[in-house]
Amino acid sequence: MSIIREDRVEATICETRLKDILREKGPQTLDALCAMPDFGWAQALLAVDHLSRSHEIVLKLIAPREYQVSLAGEAL
């Protein structure tokens, strides 16, 4: 398997896990997602970036330098 394909598979796994966390626990801060032991902060940020661009999740500024991440259907 190529490196690019392996990276994409890993990213998809991370995105799926991130969506599962949001379904199970509800909205989370970006900092909380980056601190999860399931993946590193870089993987979490990449997954959040991709999922927000595909409109699957929503980012909301809740305080200076603090964002809340939620599934698109749950955003208020």
Protein backbone atom coordinates (compact mmCIF):
# COMPACT_ATOMS: atom_id res chain seq x y z
CA MET A 1 0.00 0.00 0.00
CA SER A 2 1.32 3.48 -0.78
CA ILE A 3 2.16 6.00 1.92
CA ILE A 4 -0.59 8.36 0.75
CA ARG A 5 -3.19 5.60 0.85
CA GLU A 6 -2.04 4.54 4.33
CA ASP A 7 -2.26 8.15 5.54
CA ARG A 8 -5.79 8.47 4.14
CA VAL A 9 -6.88 5.21 5.80
CA GLU A 10 -5.47 6.44 9.12
CA ALA A 11 -7.22 9.80 8.66
CA THR A 12 -10.53 8.06 7.93
CA ILE A 13 -10.17 5.95 11.08
CA CYS A 14 -9.45 9.10 13.10
CA GLU A 15 -12.44 10.94 11.58
CA THR A 16 -14.73 8.00 12.33
CA ARG A 17 -13.49 7.81 15.92
CA LEU A 18 -13.90 11.56 16.37
CA LYS A 19 -17.52 11.39 15.14
CA ASP A 20 -18.15 8.43 17.47
CA ILE A 21 -16.83 10.46 20.42
CA LEU A 22 -19.12 13.38 19.52
CA ARG A 23 -22.11 11.02 19.21
CA GLU A 24 -21.36 9.34 22.55
CA LYS A 25 -20.33 12.37 24.62
CA GLY A 26 -21.92 15.29 22.81
CA PRO A 27 -20.11 18.51 21.90
CA GLN A 28 -16.48 18.73 23.01
CA THR A 29 -13.93 21.50 23.08
CA LEU A 30 -11.20 21.34 20.48
CA ASP A 31 -8.64 21.13 23.31
CA ALA A 32 -10.44 18.13 24.81
CA LEU A 33 -10.43 16.32 21.46
CA CYS A 34 -6.74 17.06 20.95
CA ALA A 35 -5.97 15.64 24.40
CA MET A 36 -7.79 12.33 23.80
CA PRO A 37 -5.53 9.28 23.97
CA ASP A 38 -7.15 7.81 20.84
CA PHE A 39 -4.98 9.93 18.53
CA GLY A 40 -2.44 12.75 18.57
CA TRP A 41 -3.26 16.44 18.44
CA ALA A 42 -2.13 16.71 14.81
CA GLN A 43 -4.43 13.85 13.79
CA ALA A 44 -7.31 15.42 15.70
CA LEU A 45 -6.80 18.82 14.06
CA LEU A 46 -6.54 17.27 10.60
CA ALA A 47 -9.73 15.28 11.18
CA VAL A 48 -11.57 18.35 12.50
CA ASP A 49 -10.39 20.36 9.48
CA HIS A 50 -11.56 17.72 7.00
CA LEU A 51 -14.89 17.09 8.75
CA SER A 52 -15.67 20.80 9.06
CA ARG A 53 -14.90 21.39 5.37
CA SER A 54 -17.26 18.53 4.47
CA HIS A 55 -19.92 20.05 6.79
CA GLU A 56 -20.10 16.94 9.00
CA ILE A 57 -19.12 18.87 12.14
CA VAL A 58 -19.43 22.48 13.24
CA LEU A 59 -16.89 24.62 15.08
CA LYS A 60 -18.20 27.37 17.34
CA LEU A 61 -16.13 29.99 19.16
CA ILE A 62 -17.26 29.79 22.80
CA ALA A 63 -14.51 31.87 24.45
CA PRO A 64 -11.32 33.57 23.33
CA ARG A 65 -9.15 30.85 21.73
CA GLU A 66 -11.66 28.13 22.70
CA TYR A 67 -13.79 26.26 20.19
CA GLN A 68 -16.60 23.79 20.65
CA VAL A 69 -16.87 20.93 18.15
CA SER A 70 -20.23 19.28 17.52
CA LEU A 71 -21.87 17.12 14.90
CA ALA A 72 -23.55 19.24 12.22
CA GLY A 73 -27.08 18.10 13.14
CA GLU A 74 -26.56 18.91 16.82
CA ALA A 75 -25.22 22.45 16.47
CA LEU A 76 -27.34 25.16 18.06
